Amino acid sequence: MELKFEFVIYDDELDTFILDENIYTFTLDDEQAKTFEVLKDGELYLYNWFKDSKYFIDWIKAEVYPDAIGKKIAIATINDIAYLKFYFFKVTSADVFYDYFKELFGIIEESDWQDREEVGEEIIENLLVKRQELIIELKEEQEQEDE
């Protein structure tokens, strides 16, 4: 099974993400394809499975960003599963992202009239931590599970 990946590159100094506009193809073996099918509906489970997989990190270091030890990246998309909302959320983002993050972070609006900007700021505060969890730092030797 072949998957298409897009990545974002994290800039420490600016605390921003920059989209790498290239599309990279990664091939799963049969066992990995079965795991993918199980995890694909739980987008963060899928993300973490790839992030914690030695073979995936080794592929990134060899094929995607060779000679990039120390670079920090994150997965932008896996086929049609997009993670861009984590990196580029704004208070003015679409309602679907706004609602997604309210549910993910357990944010409850006190009333229908509560200022969207206030809740949006709370989402952004929560995203500061979540984004750091999603970053993959390319190190000399990764200590990853080989699943």
N, C-alpha and C. Protein backbone atom coordinates (compact mmCIF):
# COMPACT_ATOMS: atom_id res chain seq x y z
N MET A 1 0.85 -1.18 0.00
CA MET A 1 0.00 0.00 0.00
C MET A 1 0.89 1.24 0.00
N GLU A 2 0.58 2.16 -0.88
CA GLU A 2 1.34 3.41 -0.95
C GLU A 2 0.53 4.55 -0.34
N LEU A 3 1.22 5.35 0.45
CA LEU A 3 0.62 6.52 1.06
C LEU A 3 1.35 7.77 0.58
N LYS A 4 0.60 8.86 0.50
CA LYS A 4 1.20 10.14 0.13
C LYS A 4 1.27 11.01 1.37
N PHE A 5 2.44 11.58 1.59
CA PHE A 5 2.69 12.43 2.75
C PHE A 5 3.09 13.83 2.31
N GLU A 6 2.64 14.79 3.08
CA GLU A 6 3.14 16.15 2.99
C GLU A 6 3.60 16.52 4.40
N PHE A 7 4.59 17.39 4.48
CA PHE A 7 5.15 17.77 5.77
C PHE A 7 5.15 19.28 5.92
N VAL A 8 5.26 19.73 7.17
CA VAL A 8 5.53 21.11 7.49
C VAL A 8 6.86 21.14 8.23
N ILE A 9 7.59 22.22 8.05
CA ILE A 9 8.88 22.38 8.71
C ILE A 9 8.69 23.42 9.81
N TYR A 10 9.17 23.07 10.99
CA TYR A 10 9.01 23.96 12.14
C TYR A 10 10.21 24.87 12.26
N ASP A 11 9.95 26.16 12.42
CA ASP A 11 11.00 27.15 12.62
C ASP A 11 10.97 27.55 14.09
N ASP A 12 12.01 27.11 14.85
CA ASP A 12 12.10 27.39 16.28
C ASP A 12 12.09 28.88 16.58
N GLU A 13 12.89 29.62 15.84
CA GLU A 13 13.04 31.05 16.11
C GLU A 13 11.74 31.81 15.96
N LEU A 14 10.98 31.49 14.94
CA LEU A 14 9.72 32.19 14.68
C LEU A 14 8.51 31.50 15.30
N ASP A 15 8.71 30.27 15.82
CA ASP A 15 7.62 29.45 16.34
C ASP A 15 6.49 29.35 15.32
N THR A 16 6.88 29.01 14.09
CA THR A 16 5.91 28.87 13.01
C THR A 16 6.19 27.61 12.20
N PHE A 17 5.21 27.23 11.42
CA PHE A 17 5.33 26.09 10.52
C PHE A 17 5.28 26.58 9.09
N ILE A 18 6.13 25.99 8.26
CA ILE A 18 6.19 26.34 6.84
C ILE A 18 5.86 25.08 6.05
N LEU A 19 4.92 25.17 5.14
CA LEU A 19 4.50 24.01 4.37
C LEU A 19 5.57 23.63 3.35
N ASP A 20 5.97 22.36 3.38
CA ASP A 20 6.82 21.80 2.33
C ASP A 20 5.85 21.35 1.25
N GLU A 21 5.88 21.96 0.11
CA GLU A 21 4.86 21.72 -0.92
C GLU A 21 5.10 20.45 -1.73
N ASN A 22 6.10 19.67 -1.37
CA ASN A 22 6.36 18.40 -2.06
C ASN A 22 5.46 17.31 -1.51
N ILE A 23 5.18 16.32 -2.35
CA ILE A 23 4.42 15.14 -1.94
C ILE A 23 5.38 13.96 -1.99
N TYR A 24 5.42 13.21 -0.89
CA TYR A 24 6.34 12.08 -0.77
C TYR A 24 5.53 10.79 -0.67
N THR A 25 6.01 9.75 -1.33
CA THR A 25 5.31 8.46 -1.33
C THR A 25 6.03 7.48 -0.41
N PHE A 26 5.27 6.87 0.48
CA PHE A 26 5.79 5.92 1.45
C PHE A 26 5.03 4.62 1.27
N THR A 27 5.73 3.50 1.21
CA THR A 27 5.11 2.21 0.98
C THR A 27 5.04 1.41 2.28
N LEU A 28 3.85 0.89 2.56
CA LEU A 28 3.63 0.04 3.72
C LEU A 28 3.66 -1.42 3.30
N ASP A 29 4.20 -2.28 4.15
CA ASP A 29 4.09 -3.71 3.88
C ASP A 29 2.70 -4.17 4.30
N ASP A 30 2.37 -5.44 4.11
CA ASP A 30 1.01 -5.93 4.38
C ASP A 30 0.61 -5.75 5.84
N GLU A 31 1.51 -6.03 6.75
CA GLU A 31 1.20 -5.90 8.17
C GLU A 31 0.98 -4.43 8.55
N GLN A 32 1.82 -3.56 8.04
CA GLN A 32 1.68 -2.13 8.30
C GLN A 32 0.39 -1.60 7.68
N ALA A 33 0.01 -2.12 6.51
CA ALA A 33 -1.23 -1.70 5.85
C ALA A 33 -2.44 -2.07 6.70
N LYS A 34 -2.39 -3.22 7.34
CA LYS A 34 -3.50 -3.63 8.22
C LYS A 34 -3.60 -2.68 9.41
N THR A 35 -2.46 -2.35 9.99
CA THR A 35 -2.45 -1.41 11.12
C THR A 35 -2.97 -0.05 10.67
N PHE A 36 -2.56 0.40 9.49
CA PHE A 36 -3.04 1.66 8.95
C PHE A 36 -4.57 1.66 8.85
N GLU A 37 -5.14 0.58 8.32
CA GLU A 37 -6.59 0.49 8.16
C GLU A 37 -7.31 0.59 9.50
N VAL A 38 -6.72 0.03 10.55
CA VAL A 38 -7.32 0.08 11.88
C VAL A 38 -7.24 1.49 12.45
N LEU A 39 -6.11 2.17 12.23
CA LEU A 39 -5.87 3.46 12.87
C LEU A 39 -6.33 4.68 12.07
N LYS A 40 -6.65 4.52 10.80
CA LYS A 40 -6.91 5.68 9.94
C LYS A 40 -8.09 6.54 10.38
N ASP A 41 -9.04 5.97 11.08
CA ASP A 41 -10.18 6.77 11.54
C ASP A 41 -9.89 7.54 12.83
N GLY A 42 -8.84 7.15 13.52
CA GLY A 42 -8.42 7.88 14.72
C GLY A 42 -7.19 8.68 14.37
N GLU A 43 -7.40 9.86 13.80
CA GLU A 43 -6.31 10.60 13.17
C GLU A 43 -5.10 10.81 14.06
N LEU A 44 -5.28 11.10 15.35
CA LEU A 44 -4.12 11.30 16.20
C LEU A 44 -3.44 9.98 16.55
N TYR A 45 -4.20 8.90 16.62
CA TYR A 45 -3.58 7.58 16.82
C TYR A 45 -2.71 7.24 15.62
N LEU A 46 -3.22 7.52 14.43
CA LEU A 46 -2.46 7.27 13.21
C LEU A 46 -1.19 8.12 13.20
N TYR A 47 -1.34 9.38 13.50
CA TYR A 47 -0.19 10.29 13.53
C TYR A 47 0.89 9.75 14.46
N ASN A 48 0.48 9.41 15.67
CA ASN A 48 1.45 8.94 16.67
C ASN A 48 2.08 7.61 16.29
N TRP A 49 1.33 6.77 15.60
CA TRP A 49 1.88 5.50 15.13
C TRP A 49 3.04 5.76 14.17
N PHE A 50 2.84 6.67 13.24
CA PHE A 50 3.94 7.00 12.32
C PHE A 50 5.07 7.70 13.06
N LYS A 51 4.74 8.64 13.90
CA LYS A 51 5.77 9.40 14.62
C LYS A 51 6.65 8.50 15.47
N ASP A 52 6.08 7.45 16.02
CA ASP A 52 6.82 6.54 16.92
C ASP A 52 7.42 5.33 16.21
N SER A 53 7.32 5.28 14.89
CA SER A 53 7.79 4.12 14.13
C SER A 53 9.18 4.37 13.55
N LYS A 54 10.12 3.53 13.94
CA LYS A 54 11.51 3.68 13.50
C LYS A 54 11.62 3.64 11.98
N TYR A 55 10.92 2.71 11.34
CA TYR A 55 11.04 2.59 9.88
C TYR A 55 10.55 3.86 9.18
N PHE A 56 9.55 4.53 9.74
CA PHE A 56 9.04 5.77 9.16
C PHE A 56 10.06 6.90 9.33
N ILE A 57 10.58 7.04 10.53
CA ILE A 57 11.59 8.08 10.80
C ILE A 57 12.84 7.83 9.96
N ASP A 58 13.25 6.57 9.84
CA ASP A 58 14.41 6.25 9.01
C ASP A 58 14.16 6.63 7.55
N TRP A 59 12.94 6.40 7.07
CA TRP A 59 12.58 6.78 5.70
C TRP A 59 12.67 8.29 5.52
N ILE A 60 12.16 9.04 6.49
CA ILE A 60 12.22 10.50 6.41
C ILE A 60 13.68 10.95 6.32
N LYS A 61 14.51 10.39 7.20
CA LYS A 61 15.92 10.81 7.23
C LYS A 61 16.66 10.40 5.96
N ALA A 62 16.29 9.28 5.36
CA ALA A 62 17.00 8.79 4.17
C ALA A 62 16.44 9.37 2.88
N GLU A 63 15.12 9.48 2.77
CA GLU A 63 14.49 9.83 1.50
C GLU A 63 13.91 11.25 1.43
N VAL A 64 13.36 11.72 2.52
CA VAL A 64 12.65 13.00 2.49
C VAL A 64 13.59 14.16 2.82
N TYR A 65 14.28 14.06 3.95
CA TYR A 65 15.18 15.12 4.39
C TYR A 65 16.55 14.54 4.73
N PRO A 66 17.27 14.03 3.73
CA PRO A 66 18.62 13.53 4.02
C PRO A 66 19.51 14.69 4.45
N ASP A 67 20.45 14.39 5.30
CA ASP A 67 21.38 15.40 5.81
C ASP A 67 20.66 16.54 6.53
N ALA A 68 19.59 16.20 7.26
CA ALA A 68 18.83 17.23 7.96
C ALA A 68 18.72 16.93 9.45
N ILE A 69 19.77 16.35 10.02
CA ILE A 69 19.75 16.07 11.45
C ILE A 69 19.57 17.40 12.19
N GLY A 70 18.66 17.39 13.15
CA GLY A 70 18.34 18.60 13.90
C GLY A 70 17.13 19.35 13.37
N LYS A 71 16.70 19.01 12.15
CA LYS A 71 15.51 19.66 11.56
C LYS A 71 14.27 19.18 12.32
N LYS A 72 13.31 20.07 12.49
CA LYS A 72 12.05 19.73 13.14
C LYS A 72 10.95 19.83 12.10
N ILE A 73 10.18 18.75 12.01
CA ILE A 73 9.10 18.69 11.03
C ILE A 73 7.85 18.17 11.71
N ALA A 74 6.76 18.17 10.97
CA ALA A 74 5.52 17.54 11.42
C ALA A 74 4.79 17.08 10.17
N ILE A 75 3.93 16.10 10.35
CA ILE A 75 3.15 15.57 9.22
C ILE A 75 2.02 16.55 8.92
N ALA A 76 1.91 16.96 7.67
CA ALA A 76 0.83 17.86 7.25
C ALA A 76 -0.38 17.06 6.76
N THR A 77 -0.12 16.04 5.93
CA THR A 77 -1.20 15.17 5.45
C THR A 77 -0.68 13.75 5.26
N ILE A 78 -1.59 12.82 5.46
CA ILE A 78 -1.37 11.42 5.13
C ILE A 78 -2.55 11.06 4.22
N ASN A 79 -2.27 10.88 2.93
CA ASN A 79 -3.32 10.71 1.93
C ASN A 79 -4.32 11.85 2.07
N ASP A 80 -5.55 11.58 2.45
CA ASP A 80 -6.54 12.65 2.56
C ASP A 80 -6.80 13.07 4.00
N ILE A 81 -5.97 12.62 4.92
CA ILE A 81 -6.11 12.99 6.33
C ILE A 81 -5.20 14.18 6.59
N ALA A 82 -5.80 15.33 6.87
CA ALA A 82 -5.04 16.57 7.02
C ALA A 82 -4.84 16.93 8.49
N TYR A 83 -3.61 17.31 8.80
CA TYR A 83 -3.26 17.78 10.14
C TYR A 83 -2.94 19.27 10.13
N LEU A 84 -3.15 19.92 9.01
CA LEU A 84 -2.81 21.33 8.87
C LEU A 84 -3.53 22.22 9.89
N LYS A 85 -4.71 21.80 10.30
CA LYS A 85 -5.47 22.60 11.26
C LYS A 85 -4.70 22.80 12.56
N PHE A 86 -3.81 21.86 12.91
CA PHE A 86 -3.02 21.99 14.12
C PHE A 86 -1.97 23.08 14.01
N TYR A 87 -1.47 23.31 12.82
CA TYR A 87 -0.36 24.23 12.63
C TYR A 87 -0.78 25.62 12.20
N PHE A 88 -1.96 25.73 11.59
CA PHE A 88 -2.36 27.01 11.02
C PHE A 88 -3.71 27.50 11.53
N PHE A 89 -4.14 27.03 12.70
CA PHE A 89 -5.42 27.47 13.27
C PHE A 89 -5.34 28.95 13.63
N LYS A 90 -6.39 29.67 13.31
CA LYS A 90 -6.55 31.08 13.67
C LYS A 90 -7.93 31.22 14.30
N VAL A 91 -8.11 32.24 15.09
CA VAL A 91 -9.41 32.48 15.72
C VAL A 91 -10.50 32.58 14.66
N THR A 92 -10.12 33.02 13.47
CA THR A 92 -11.10 33.17 12.38
C THR A 92 -11.22 31.92 11.50
N SER A 93 -10.61 30.81 11.92
CA SER A 93 -10.70 29.58 11.13
C SER A 93 -12.16 29.13 11.01
N ALA A 94 -12.39 28.25 10.08
CA ALA A 94 -13.75 27.76 9.81
C ALA A 94 -14.37 27.11 11.05
N ASP A 95 -15.69 27.15 11.11
CA ASP A 95 -16.43 26.57 12.23
C ASP A 95 -16.08 25.11 12.47
N VAL A 96 -15.84 24.35 11.41
CA VAL A 96 -15.55 22.93 11.57
C VAL A 96 -14.27 22.73 12.39
N PHE A 97 -13.26 23.57 12.19
CA PHE A 97 -12.02 23.46 12.96
C PHE A 97 -12.23 23.97 14.38
N TYR A 98 -12.97 25.03 14.49
CA TYR A 98 -13.30 25.61 15.78
C TYR A 98 -14.02 24.56 16.65
N ASP A 99 -15.02 23.90 16.09
CA ASP A 99 -15.77 22.88 16.81
C ASP A 99 -14.90 21.65 17.12
N TYR A 100 -14.06 21.27 16.16
CA TYR A 100 -13.15 20.12 16.36
C TYR A 100 -12.26 20.35 17.58
N PHE A 101 -11.66 21.52 17.67
CA PHE A 101 -10.74 21.79 18.78
C PHE A 101 -11.47 21.98 20.09
N LYS A 102 -12.67 22.54 20.07
CA LYS A 102 -13.45 22.64 21.31
C LYS A 102 -13.68 21.23 21.87
N GLU A 103 -14.02 20.29 20.99
CA GLU A 103 -14.25 18.92 21.44
C GLU A 103 -12.94 18.26 21.88
N LEU A 104 -11.89 18.40 21.09
CA LEU A 104 -10.61 17.78 21.41
C LEU A 104 -10.07 18.23 22.76
N PHE A 105 -10.17 19.52 23.04
CA PHE A 105 -9.61 20.07 24.27
C PHE A 105 -10.64 20.18 25.40
N GLY A 106 -11.85 19.70 25.16
CA GLY A 106 -12.88 19.73 26.20
C GLY A 106 -13.28 21.14 26.61
N ILE A 107 -13.32 22.05 25.66
CA ILE A 107 -13.69 23.43 25.92
C ILE A 107 -15.20 23.57 25.80
N ILE A 108 -15.80 24.05 26.87
CA ILE A 108 -17.25 24.21 26.88
C ILE A 108 -17.57 25.70 26.90
N GLU A 109 -18.34 26.13 25.93
CA GLU A 109 -18.78 27.52 25.90
C GLU A 109 -19.87 27.69 26.95
N GLU A 110 -19.76 28.75 27.69
CA GLU A 110 -20.73 28.99 28.76
C GLU A 110 -22.10 29.35 28.22
N SER A 111 -22.13 29.95 27.03
CA SER A 111 -23.41 30.30 26.43
C SER A 111 -23.21 30.51 24.94
N ASP A 112 -24.30 30.57 24.22
CA ASP A 112 -24.22 30.79 22.77
C ASP A 112 -23.64 32.15 22.42
N TRP A 113 -23.78 33.10 23.31
CA TRP A 113 -23.32 34.45 23.02
C TRP A 113 -21.86 34.69 23.39
N GLN A 114 -21.21 33.66 24.01
CA GLN A 114 -19.81 33.85 24.41
C GLN A 114 -18.96 34.22 23.20
N ASP A 115 -18.07 35.12 23.41
CA ASP A 115 -17.23 35.64 22.34
C ASP A 115 -16.37 34.54 21.73
N ARG A 116 -16.53 34.35 20.43
CA ARG A 116 -15.75 33.34 19.71
C ARG A 116 -14.25 33.59 19.87
N GLU A 117 -13.88 34.85 19.93
CA GLU A 117 -12.47 35.19 20.06
C GLU A 117 -11.89 34.67 21.38
N GLU A 118 -12.67 34.76 22.44
CA GLU A 118 -12.24 34.28 23.76
C GLU A 118 -12.00 32.76 23.72
N VAL A 119 -12.92 32.03 23.14
CA VAL A 119 -12.78 30.58 23.03
C VAL A 119 -11.65 30.24 22.07
N GLY A 120 -11.52 31.00 20.99
CA GLY A 120 -10.44 30.79 20.03
C GLY A 120 -9.08 30.95 20.68
N GLU A 121 -8.95 31.93 21.57
CA GLU A 121 -7.68 32.12 22.29
C GLU A 121 -7.37 30.92 23.18
N GLU A 122 -8.41 30.35 23.80
CA GLU A 122 -8.22 29.16 24.64
C GLU A 122 -7.77 27.98 23.77
N ILE A 123 -8.33 27.85 22.58
CA ILE A 123 -7.90 26.81 21.65
C ILE A 123 -6.43 27.00 21.29
N ILE A 124 -6.05 28.22 20.98
CA ILE A 124 -4.67 28.51 20.60
C ILE A 124 -3.72 28.18 21.75
N GLU A 125 -4.10 28.49 22.99
CA GLU A 125 -3.27 28.14 24.15
C GLU A 125 -3.06 26.63 24.23
N ASN A 126 -4.13 25.87 24.03
CA ASN A 126 -4.03 24.41 24.05
C ASN A 126 -3.19 23.90 22.90
N LEU A 127 -3.29 24.55 21.75
CA LEU A 127 -2.52 24.13 20.57
C LEU A 127 -1.02 24.33 20.75
N LEU A 128 -0.62 25.30 21.56
CA LEU A 128 0.81 25.51 21.80
C LEU A 128 1.45 24.25 22.35
N VAL A 129 0.75 23.56 23.22
CA VAL A 129 1.26 22.30 23.78
C VAL A 129 1.12 21.17 22.76
N LYS A 130 -0.04 21.04 22.13
CA LYS A 130 -0.30 19.96 21.19
C LYS A 130 0.67 19.99 20.02
N ARG A 131 0.96 21.17 19.50
CA ARG A 131 1.90 21.29 18.38
C ARG A 131 3.26 20.73 18.74
N GLN A 132 3.72 21.02 19.95
CA GLN A 132 5.03 20.51 20.38
C GLN A 132 5.02 18.98 20.43
N GLU A 133 3.89 18.39 20.79
CA GLU A 133 3.77 16.93 20.82
C GLU A 133 3.83 16.34 19.41
N LEU A 134 3.40 17.09 18.41
CA LEU A 134 3.34 16.58 17.04
C LEU A 134 4.67 16.74 16.28
N ILE A 135 5.55 17.56 16.79
CA ILE A 135 6.82 17.81 16.10
C ILE A 135 7.71 16.57 16.16
N ILE A 136 8.31 16.29 15.03
CA ILE A 136 9.27 15.19 14.90
C ILE A 136 10.64 15.84 14.71
N GLU A 137 11.52 15.64 15.68
CA GLU A 137 12.87 16.18 15.54
C GLU A 137 13.75 15.07 14.98
N LEU A 138 14.40 15.36 13.87
CA LEU A 138 15.26 14.38 13.23
C LEU A 138 16.59 14.36 13.97
N LYS A 139 16.82 13.27 14.69
CA LYS A 139 18.03 13.12 15.50
C LYS A 139 18.94 12.08 14.86
N GLU A 140 20.18 12.08 15.31
CA GLU A 140 21.16 11.12 14.80
C GLU A 140 20.63 9.70 14.92
N GLU A 141 20.27 9.32 16.11
CA GLU A 141 19.66 8.01 16.35
C GLU A 141 18.34 8.21 17.03
N GLN A 142 17.28 7.77 16.41
CA GLN A 142 15.94 7.89 16.98
C GLN A 142 15.68 6.71 17.90
N GLU A 143 15.09 6.99 19.04
CA GLU A 143 14.65 5.91 19.92
C GLU A 143 13.16 5.72 19.69
N GLN A 144 12.85 4.91 18.70
CA GLN A 144 11.46 4.71 18.30
C GLN A 144 11.09 3.24 18.44
N GLU A 145 9.80 3.00 18.56
CA GLU A 145 9.31 1.63 18.53
C GLU A 145 9.31 1.17 17.08
N ASP A 146 9.58 -0.09 16.87
CA ASP A 146 9.58 -0.63 15.51
C ASP A 146 8.35 -1.48 15.30
N GLU A 147 7.24 -0.80 15.01
CA GLU A 147 5.96 -1.51 14.84
C GLU A 147 5.56 -1.53 13.40
